[in-house]
Amino acid sequence: MKKSTQTRPNIPIIYEDNHLLVIDKPAGVLSQEDRTGHADVLTLCKKYIKKKYNKPGNVWLGLVHRLDRPVSGVMVLAKTSKAAARLSEQVRKRSISKTYWAMAEGMTPSSAELIHFLEKDLKSNHVAAYKSKRGRAKEARLRFKTLKQNAHYSLIEVDLQTGRSHQIRVQLAKEAHPLFGDYRYGEKGSKTGKELGLRAVRLSFEHPTLKKNMTFEAPIPNVQPWNFFDY
């Protein structure tokens, strides 16, 4: 893995060709620009491409999917409109496989499937989870298996079945297993200043032009909460 020394913060580059840019998104960086004006992946990666290839004018780059601001890990961006359209179609058909590691409070079962109905408050950006269908709530599904545990936390691998806003954080919190460092859905909702224990570790999809399946992984950093266990 190399780093895009053209930007600050630096964005680690996992893979790059004429159609794709696969990155390791740092925690705390937005996926795309919002009204805060804070650093975002799309703008930073456009700067990286512009400087690396000495491109004149504006650089086109397509955002295929998003990771929440506090979430780190593997993301793919499209360097051509053809790639963007074909990857977006895979997202729509849910044929892109997304795997996450999460550090959850307490002792989780060895494996489980969680089904909830999630409803987002657009004003507060807060998502509520319900056990049954109500109002505008949308079904959310995930499966997980427990990899390691200690007296306080469980490291779980999550296979995301749907792509709802804040889904993993909300569903685990609903089951009394909020994620490490989650100031929004964790205990008392208090801000901890810790990195959120949620990382996109693996992304699999069909290359938009080569038509072959590709899998990309983001390494586990040796920082909290990931260094709670000896891998």
Protein backbone atom coordinates (compact mmCIF):
# COMPACT_ATOMS: atom_id res chain seq x y z
CA MET A 1 0.00 0.00 0.00
CA LYS A 2 1.25 3.48 -0.82
CA LYS A 3 0.16 6.85 0.48
CA SER A 4 -1.05 9.80 -1.55
CA THR A 5 1.58 12.24 -0.37
CA GLN A 6 -0.18 14.84 -2.51
CA THR A 7 -2.88 15.42 0.11
CA ARG A 8 -3.31 16.21 3.77
CA PRO A 9 -4.51 14.14 5.48
CA ASN A 10 -2.78 11.46 3.44
CA ILE A 11 -5.04 8.86 1.84
CA PRO A 12 -3.49 5.36 1.62
CA ILE A 13 -3.94 3.91 -1.88
CA ILE A 14 -4.70 0.18 -1.95
CA TYR A 15 -5.12 -0.19 -5.74
CA GLU A 16 -5.28 2.02 -8.80
CA ASP A 17 -5.81 1.52 -12.52
CA ASN A 18 -7.39 3.52 -15.36
CA HIS A 19 -10.91 2.91 -14.04
CA LEU A 20 -10.65 2.45 -10.27
CA LEU A 21 -9.14 4.02 -7.20
CA VAL A 22 -9.35 1.86 -4.07
CA ILE A 23 -8.38 3.61 -0.86
CA ASP A 24 -8.12 3.11 2.89
CA LYS A 25 -10.30 5.91 4.24
CA PRO A 26 -8.99 7.39 7.51
CA ALA A 27 -11.40 7.72 10.42
CA GLY A 28 -12.78 11.24 10.81
CA VAL A 29 -12.65 12.11 7.10
CA LEU A 30 -15.93 12.71 5.27
CA SER A 31 -16.76 10.62 2.20
CA GLN A 32 -17.87 13.73 0.32
CA GLU A 33 -18.02 17.46 0.93
CA ASP A 34 -20.70 18.86 3.21
CA ARG A 35 -21.51 22.28 4.65
CA THR A 36 -18.83 21.98 7.36
CA GLY A 37 -16.02 22.38 4.84
CA HIS A 38 -14.01 19.65 6.57
CA ALA A 39 -11.69 17.30 4.68
CA ASP A 40 -13.45 14.77 2.46
CA VAL A 41 -12.31 11.74 0.47
CA LEU A 42 -13.66 12.85 -2.91
CA THR A 43 -11.92 16.25 -2.85
CA LEU A 44 -8.65 14.83 -1.50
CA CYS A 45 -8.53 12.07 -4.11
CA LYS A 46 -9.25 14.53 -6.92
CA LYS A 47 -6.27 16.59 -5.73
CA TYR A 48 -4.13 13.44 -5.63
CA ILE A 49 -5.01 12.51 -9.24
CA LYS A 50 -4.59 16.07 -10.50
CA LYS A 51 -1.10 16.38 -9.01
CA LYS A 52 0.11 12.86 -9.75
CA TYR A 53 -0.85 12.99 -13.44
CA ASN A 54 -0.46 16.75 -13.87
CA LYS A 55 -4.01 17.01 -15.18
CA PRO A 56 -5.27 20.42 -16.34
CA GLY A 57 -8.70 21.66 -15.30
CA ASN A 58 -11.13 19.77 -13.13
CA VAL A 59 -10.69 16.07 -12.34
CA TRP A 60 -13.70 13.77 -12.61
CA LEU A 61 -14.08 11.14 -9.90
CA GLY A 62 -17.24 9.22 -9.02
CA LEU A 63 -18.31 8.36 -5.49
CA VAL A 64 -19.78 4.84 -5.71
CA HIS A 65 -20.56 4.28 -2.02
CA ARG A 66 -19.94 5.97 1.31
CA LEU A 67 -18.53 5.30 4.74
CA ASP A 68 -19.75 7.33 7.71
CA ARG A 69 -17.29 9.98 8.84
CA PRO A 70 -16.01 8.12 11.94
CA VAL A 71 -15.67 4.81 10.05
CA SER A 72 -12.34 3.84 8.48
CA GLY A 73 -11.44 1.31 5.85
CA VAL A 74 -11.62 0.25 2.22
CA MET A 75 -13.57 2.31 -0.32
CA VAL A 76 -13.68 2.26 -4.12
CA LEU A 77 -14.03 5.35 -6.31
CA ALA A 78 -14.59 5.39 -10.07
CA LYS A 79 -12.19 7.25 -12.37
CA THR A 80 -14.50 7.03 -15.41
CA SER A 81 -18.23 7.47 -15.90
CA LYS A 82 -18.47 3.95 -17.35
CA ALA A 83 -16.91 2.47 -14.23
CA ALA A 84 -19.17 4.59 -12.01
CA ALA A 85 -22.31 3.41 -13.78
CA ARG A 86 -21.36 -0.26 -13.67
CA LEU A 87 -20.25 -0.17 -10.02
CA SER A 88 -23.38 1.76 -9.04
CA GLU A 89 -25.45 -0.96 -10.69
CA GLN A 90 -23.65 -3.55 -8.55
CA VAL A 91 -24.43 -1.48 -5.46
CA ARG A 92 -28.09 -1.30 -6.50
CA LYS A 93 -28.24 -5.06 -7.01
CA ARG A 94 -26.34 -5.64 -3.75
CA SER A 95 -23.74 -7.72 -5.55
CA ILE A 96 -20.88 -5.82 -3.91
CA SER A 97 -19.76 -7.67 -0.78
CA LYS A 98 -18.82 -5.51 2.22
CA THR A 99 -17.18 -6.93 5.35
CA TYR A 100 -16.54 -4.96 8.52
CA TRP A 101 -14.79 -5.54 11.81
CA ALA A 102 -16.49 -4.04 14.82
CA MET A 103 -15.41 -3.78 18.46
CA ALA A 104 -18.61 -4.25 20.45
CA GLU A 105 -19.14 -3.88 24.18
CA GLY A 106 -19.91 -7.05 26.14
CA MET A 107 -20.02 -10.71 25.18
CA THR A 108 -21.65 -11.24 21.80
CA PRO A 109 -22.94 -14.66 20.69
CA SER A 110 -20.71 -16.80 18.46
CA SER A 111 -22.85 -15.82 15.47
CA ALA A 112 -26.17 -14.09 14.81
CA GLU A 113 -28.40 -12.46 12.23
CA LEU A 114 -29.91 -9.12 13.21
CA ILE A 115 -33.09 -7.78 11.62
CA HIS A 116 -34.42 -4.36 12.58
CA PHE A 117 -36.36 -1.53 11.03
CA LEU A 118 -34.44 1.74 10.97
CA GLU A 119 -35.80 5.26 10.75
CA LYS A 120 -33.59 8.32 10.34
CA ASP A 121 -34.40 11.74 11.75
CA LEU A 122 -33.07 14.08 9.05
CA LYS A 123 -32.86 17.04 11.43
CA SER A 124 -30.77 15.33 14.09
CA ASN A 125 -29.10 12.75 11.81
CA HIS A 126 -29.99 10.17 14.46
CA VAL A 127 -31.24 6.70 13.50
CA ALA A 128 -33.73 4.76 15.61
CA ALA A 129 -34.09 0.96 15.48
CA TYR A 130 -37.32 -0.98 15.97
CA LYS A 131 -38.05 -4.68 16.18
CA SER A 132 -41.06 -4.43 13.86
CA LYS A 133 -42.13 -2.33 10.89
CA ARG A 134 -43.41 1.16 11.69
CA GLY A 135 -43.87 4.41 9.79
CA ARG A 136 -41.10 5.11 7.29
CA ALA A 137 -38.65 2.70 8.90
CA LYS A 138 -36.75 0.48 6.45
CA GLU A 139 -35.66 -3.09 7.01
CA ALA A 140 -32.00 -3.58 7.93
CA ARG A 141 -30.22 -6.93 7.99
CA LEU A 142 -26.73 -8.02 8.95
CA ARG A 143 -24.97 -11.19 9.99
CA PHE A 144 -21.96 -11.41 12.25
CA LYS A 145 -19.60 -13.90 13.81
CA THR A 146 -17.49 -13.36 16.90
CA LEU A 147 -13.75 -13.58 16.30
CA LYS A 148 -12.30 -12.82 19.74
CA GLN A 149 -13.45 -11.70 23.17
CA ASN A 150 -12.08 -10.43 26.46
CA ALA A 151 -13.74 -9.36 29.68
CA HIS A 152 -15.12 -6.14 28.19
CA TYR A 153 -15.27 -6.34 24.38
CA SER A 154 -16.03 -8.66 21.49
CA LEU A 155 -14.34 -8.39 18.10
CA ILE A 156 -16.92 -9.33 15.48
CA GLU A 157 -16.88 -9.69 11.71
CA VAL A 158 -19.99 -8.21 10.11
CA ASP A 159 -21.45 -9.20 6.76
CA LEU A 160 -23.69 -6.31 5.78
CA GLN A 161 -26.85 -7.42 3.97
CA THR A 162 -28.39 -3.97 3.52
CA GLY A 163 -26.83 -0.51 3.42
CA ARG A 164 -28.77 1.70 5.81
CA SER A 165 -27.39 4.84 7.43
CA HIS A 166 -25.45 4.07 10.66
CA GLN A 167 -26.77 0.51 10.35
CA ILE A 168 -24.09 -1.51 12.15
CA ARG A 169 -23.79 1.02 14.97
CA VAL A 170 -27.53 1.24 15.51
CA GLN A 171 -28.30 -2.47 15.28
CA LEU A 172 -25.52 -3.49 17.67
CA ALA A 173 -26.52 -0.76 20.13
CA LYS A 174 -30.12 -1.99 19.99
CA GLU A 175 -28.85 -5.42 21.05
CA ALA A 176 -26.99 -3.87 24.02
CA HIS A 177 -23.59 -4.12 22.31
CA PRO A 178 -22.71 -0.52 21.36
CA LEU A 179 -19.42 -0.04 19.55
CA PHE A 180 -16.25 1.16 21.18
CA GLY A 181 -15.94 4.95 20.94
CA ASP A 182 -19.47 5.48 19.62
CA TYR A 183 -20.47 8.82 21.14
CA ARG A 184 -23.79 8.86 19.27
CA TYR A 185 -25.22 5.44 20.07
CA GLY A 186 -22.98 4.32 22.92
CA GLU A 187 -23.49 4.57 26.66
CA LYS A 188 -25.22 7.86 27.59
CA GLY A 189 -24.38 9.17 24.13
CA SER A 190 -21.33 10.96 25.55
CA LYS A 191 -18.44 11.85 23.26
CA THR A 192 -15.35 9.82 24.14
CA GLY A 193 -12.75 11.20 21.75
CA LYS A 194 -11.76 7.64 20.85
CA GLU A 195 -11.66 6.23 17.35
CA LEU A 196 -14.87 4.40 16.53
CA GLY A 197 -14.51 0.63 16.67
CA LEU A 198 -15.80 0.06 13.14
CA ARG A 199 -13.62 -0.62 10.10
CA ALA A 200 -14.41 -1.74 6.56
CA VAL A 201 -11.84 -4.50 6.17
CA ARG A 202 -12.86 -6.16 2.89
CA LEU A 203 -14.61 -5.13 -0.33
CA SER A 204 -15.38 -7.51 -3.22
CA PHE A 205 -16.91 -6.65 -6.59
CA GLU A 206 -16.64 -7.31 -10.31
CA HIS A 207 -14.18 -5.04 -12.08
CA PRO A 208 -16.27 -2.77 -14.34
CA THR A 209 -14.24 -3.43 -17.51
CA LEU A 210 -12.13 -6.53 -16.85
CA LYS A 211 -15.24 -8.44 -15.74
CA LYS A 212 -13.36 -10.38 -13.08
CA ASN A 213 -14.05 -10.57 -9.38
CA MET A 214 -11.66 -8.57 -7.24
CA THR A 215 -11.24 -8.39 -3.48
CA PHE A 216 -9.45 -5.63 -1.60
CA GLU A 217 -8.55 -5.54 2.08
CA ALA A 218 -7.57 -2.79 4.49
CA PRO A 219 -4.96 -3.80 7.08
CA ILE A 220 -5.76 -3.59 10.78
CA PRO A 221 -3.87 -0.68 12.41
CA ASN A 222 -2.02 -1.15 15.68
CA VAL A 223 -4.05 1.47 17.55
CA GLN A 224 -7.05 1.43 19.88
CA PRO A 225 -9.37 -0.37 19.75
CA TRP A 226 -7.78 -2.80 17.30
CA ASN A 227 -4.76 -3.56 19.47
CA PHE A 228 -6.91 -4.93 22.29
CA PHE A 229 -6.19 -8.38 20.91
CA ASP A 230 -3.04 -10.06 19.64
CA TYR A 231 -3.75 -11.02 16.05
